[in-house]
C-alpha atoms as a PDB file:
ATOM      1  CA  MET A   1     161.881 -97.514  14.622  1.00  0.00           C
ATOM      2  CA  GLN A   2     159.657 -95.639  17.056  1.00  0.00           C
ATOM      3  CA  PRO A   3     155.914 -96.410  16.851  1.00  0.00           C
ATOM      4  CA  VAL A   4     153.807 -93.342  15.827  1.00  0.00           C
ATOM      5  CA  LEU A   5     150.756 -92.961  17.960  1.00  0.00           C
ATOM      6  CA  GLU A   6     147.341 -93.128  16.295  1.00  0.00           C
ATOM      7  CA  GLU A   7     148.889 -93.958  12.809  1.00  0.00           C
ATOM      8  CA  PRO A   8     146.508 -95.521  10.360  1.00  0.00           C
ATOM      9  CA  ILE A   9     147.667 -98.959   9.161  1.00  0.00           C
ATOM     10  CA  SER A  10     148.021 -97.654   5.615  1.00  0.00           C
ATOM     11  CA  ASP A  11     150.814 -95.245   6.834  1.00  0.00           C
ATOM     12  CA  LEU A  12     152.368 -97.738   9.196  1.00  0.00           C
ATOM     13  CA  ILE A  13     152.638-100.466   6.430  1.00  0.00           C
ATOM     14  CA  ARG A  14     154.115 -97.909   3.873  1.00  0.00           C
ATOM     15  CA  ARG A  15     156.600 -96.392   6.399  1.00  0.00           C
ATOM     16  CA  THR A  16     157.752 -99.711   7.671  1.00  0.00           C
ATOM     17  CA  ARG A  17     158.086-101.263   4.191  1.00  0.00           C
ATOM     18  CA  THR A  18     159.984 -98.339   2.781  1.00  0.00           C
ATOM     19  CA  GLY A  19     162.127 -98.118   5.991  1.00  0.00           C
ATOM     20  CA  ARG A  20     163.303-101.674   5.184  1.00  0.00           C
ATOM     21  CA  GLY A  21     164.056-100.821   1.664  1.00  0.00           C
ATOM     22  CA  MET A  22     161.214-103.228   0.338  1.00  0.00           C
ATOM     23  CA  THR A  23     159.065-102.637  -2.720  1.00  0.00           C
ATOM     24  CA  GLN A  24     155.344-103.484  -2.593  1.00  0.00           C
ATOM     25  CA  ALA A  25     156.017-106.527  -4.675  1.00  0.00           C
ATOM     26  CA  ALA A  26     158.860-107.658  -2.336  1.00  0.00           C
ATOM     27  CA  LEU A  27     156.442-107.205   0.602  1.00  0.00           C
ATOM     28  CA  ALA A  28     153.838-109.428  -1.235  1.00  0.00           C
ATOM     29  CA  ARG A  29     156.355-112.012  -1.897  1.00  0.00           C
ATOM     30  CA  GLN A  30     157.575-112.071   1.654  1.00  0.00           C
ATOM     31  CA  LEU A  31     153.984-112.366   2.838  1.00  0.00           C
ATOM     32  CA  ALA A  32     153.305-115.250   0.507  1.00  0.00           C
ATOM     33  CA  ASN A  33     156.548-116.994   1.830  1.00  0.00           C
ATOM     34  CA  VAL A  34     155.793-116.557   5.545  1.00  0.00           C
ATOM     35  CA  SER A  35     152.071-117.335   5.263  1.00  0.00           C
ATOM     36  CA  GLY A  36     152.166-120.043   2.621  1.00  0.00           C
ATOM     37  CA  ASN A  37     149.389-118.160   0.851  1.00  0.00           C
ATOM     38  CA  ALA A  38     150.136-117.009  -2.598  1.00  0.00           C
ATOM     39  CA  ALA A  39     146.886-115.143  -2.834  1.00  0.00           C
ATOM     40  CA  VAL A  40     148.453-111.912  -1.749  1.00  0.00           C
ATOM     41  CA  THR A  41     149.714-109.591  -4.477  1.00  0.00           C
ATOM     42  CA  ARG A  42     151.467-106.329  -5.011  1.00  0.00           C
ATOM     43  CA  ASP A  43     147.948-104.874  -5.862  1.00  0.00           C
ATOM     44  CA  GLN A  44     146.678-105.969  -2.390  1.00  0.00           C
ATOM     45  CA  VAL A  45     149.575-104.239  -0.683  1.00  0.00           C
ATOM     46  CA  THR A  46     148.765-101.115  -2.782  1.00  0.00           C
ATOM     47  CA  ARG A  47     145.222-101.194  -1.567  1.00  0.00           C
ATOM     48  CA  TRP A  48     146.365-101.447   2.067  1.00  0.00           C
ATOM     49  CA  GLU A  49     148.896 -98.641   1.699  1.00  0.00           C
ATOM     50  CA  ARG A  50     146.306 -96.301  -0.027  1.00  0.00           C
ATOM     51  CA  GLY A  51     143.726 -96.989   2.681  1.00  0.00           C
ATOM     52  CA  GLY A  52     141.221 -98.581   0.194  1.00  0.00           C
ATOM     53  CA  ARG A  53     141.297-101.606   2.333  1.00  0.00           C
ATOM     54  CA  VAL A  54     142.287-102.569   5.977  1.00  0.00           C
ATOM     55  CA  PRO A  55     144.177-105.821   6.206  1.00  0.00           C
ATOM     56  CA  SER A  56     142.217-108.607   7.967  1.00  0.00           C
ATOM     57  CA  PRO A  57     143.404-110.118  11.167  1.00  0.00           C
ATOM     58  CA  TYR A  58     144.744-113.075   9.139  1.00  0.00           C
ATOM     59  CA  TRP A  59     147.064-110.651   7.121  1.00  0.00           C
ATOM     60  CA  ARG A  60     147.831-108.549  10.031  1.00  0.00           C
ATOM     61  CA  ARG A  61     149.382-111.645  11.697  1.00  0.00           C
ATOM     62  CA  TRP A  62     151.569-112.209   8.775  1.00  0.00           C
ATOM     63  CA  LEU A  63     152.416-108.539   8.161  1.00  0.00           C
ATOM     64  CA  SER A  64     153.613-108.447  11.830  1.00  0.00           C
ATOM     65  CA  ILE A  65     156.099-111.237  10.912  1.00  0.00           C
ATOM     66  CA  ALA A  66     157.095-109.895   7.464  1.00  0.00           C
ATOM     67  CA  LEU A  67     157.710-106.277   8.744  1.00  0.00           C
ATOM     68  CA  ASP A  68     158.791-107.167  12.232  1.00  0.00           C
ATOM     69  CA  VAL A  69     156.072-104.949  13.812  1.00  0.00           C
ATOM     70  CA  PRO A  70     154.168-105.944  16.964  1.00  0.00           C
ATOM     71  CA  SER A  71     150.732-107.392  16.168  1.00  0.00           C
ATOM     72  CA  GLY A  72     149.186-105.146  18.729  1.00  0.00           C
ATOM     73  CA  GLN A  73     150.458-102.046  16.911  1.00  0.00           C
ATOM     74  CA  LEU A  74     149.161-103.360  13.698  1.00  0.00           C
ATOM     75  CA  ASP A  75     145.766-103.905  15.379  1.00  0.00           C
ATOM     76  CA  ARG A  76     145.634-100.363  16.921  1.00  0.00           C
ATOM     77  CA  ALA A  77     146.655 -98.984  13.467  1.00  0.00           C
ATOM     78  CA  ALA A  78     143.741-100.999  11.685  1.00  0.00           C
ATOM     79  CA  ARG A  79     141.240 -99.458  14.422  1.00  0.00           C
ATOM     80  CA  CYS A  80     142.630 -96.085  13.727  1.00  0.00           C
ATOM     81  CA  ALA A  81     142.123 -96.491   9.911  1.00  0.00           C
ATOM     82  CA  ARG A  82     138.567 -97.653  10.539  1.00  0.00           C
ATOM     83  CA  ALA A  83     137.981 -94.563  12.753  1.00  0.00           C
ATOM     84  CA  VAL A  84     139.334 -92.216  10.199  1.00  0.00           C
ATOM     85  CA  ARG A  85     137.250 -93.742   7.394  1.00  0.00           C
ATOM     86  CA  LEU A  86     134.082 -93.497   9.564  1.00  0.00           C
ATOM     87  CA  LEU A  87     134.801 -89.839  10.283  1.00  0.00           C
ATOM     88  CA  ALA A  88     135.331 -89.049   6.607  1.00  0.00           C
ATOM     89  CA  ILE A  89     131.954 -90.725   5.756  1.00  0.00           C
ATOM     90  CA  ASP A  90     130.170 -88.852   8.626  1.00  0.00           C
ATOM     91  CA  ARG A  91     131.576 -85.535   7.362  1.00  0.00           C
ATOM     92  CA  GLN A  92     130.450 -86.408   3.846  1.00  0.00           C
ATOM     93  CA  SER A  93     126.962 -87.364   4.766  1.00  0.00           C
ATOM     94  CA  SER A  94     126.706 -84.204   7.023  1.00  0.00           C
ATOM     95  CA  ALA A  95     127.705 -82.037   4.134  1.00  0.00           C
ATOM     96  CA  LEU A  96     124.867 -83.548   2.100  1.00  0.00           C
ATOM     97  CA  LEU A  97     122.064 -82.850   4.599  1.00  0.00           C
ATOM     98  CA  PRO A  98     119.903 -79.915   3.982  1.00  0.00           C
ATOM     99  CA  PRO A  99     119.997 -77.149   6.671  1.00  0.00           C
ATOM    100  CA  VAL A 100     117.633 -77.681   9.618  1.00  0.00           C
ATOM    101  CA  PRO A 101     115.272 -74.731  10.378  1.00  0.00           C
ATOM    102  CA  ALA A 102     115.908 -73.453  13.859  1.00  0.00           C
ATOM    103  CA  ARG A 103     112.887 -72.632  16.259  1.00  0.00           C
ATOM    104  CA  ASN A 104     112.581 -71.588  19.948  1.00  0.00           C
ATOM    105  CA  GLY A 105     115.593 -69.424  20.264  1.00  0.00           C
ATOM    106  CA  GLY A 106     117.777 -70.844  17.508  1.00  0.00           C
ATOM    107  CA  VAL A 107     117.927 -74.466  18.623  1.00  0.00           C
ATOM    108  CA  PRO A 108     117.729 -76.796  15.577  1.00  0.00           C
ATOM    109  CA  GLU A 109     114.484 -78.725  15.374  1.00  0.00           C
ATOM    110  CA  ARG A 110     116.053 -82.136  15.456  1.00  0.00           C
ATOM    111  CA  VAL A 111     117.952 -81.508  18.633  1.00  0.00           C
ATOM    112  CA  HIS A 112     115.273 -79.397  20.398  1.00  0.00           C
ATOM    113  CA  ARG A 113     114.149 -80.915  23.555  1.00  0.00           C
ATOM    114  CA  THR A 114     110.528 -80.461  24.728  1.00  0.00           C
END
């Protein structure tokens, strides 16, 4: 599979898992087997794939093995997911701000330099 540039980790995990014909439960079992840690469940995989959570470096290491994806690609995808989340939060908070009255030729007050 060709890596996709700037792909969030949620999309990368889902695309790779389905490309290998694995269910979320099968991926969770595979992660438990390779890591020796039975704490991961299908629900955790679901949260990763829906973007509700970004896998920690610990789980990215095991995802790399279970999905045969370079760990660096998973790390870049995790950074991309965090950036997407921050942009969404920033857009939400900007939409909630009241309009800023303009002064001195239409420059908003909070960015006007004196």
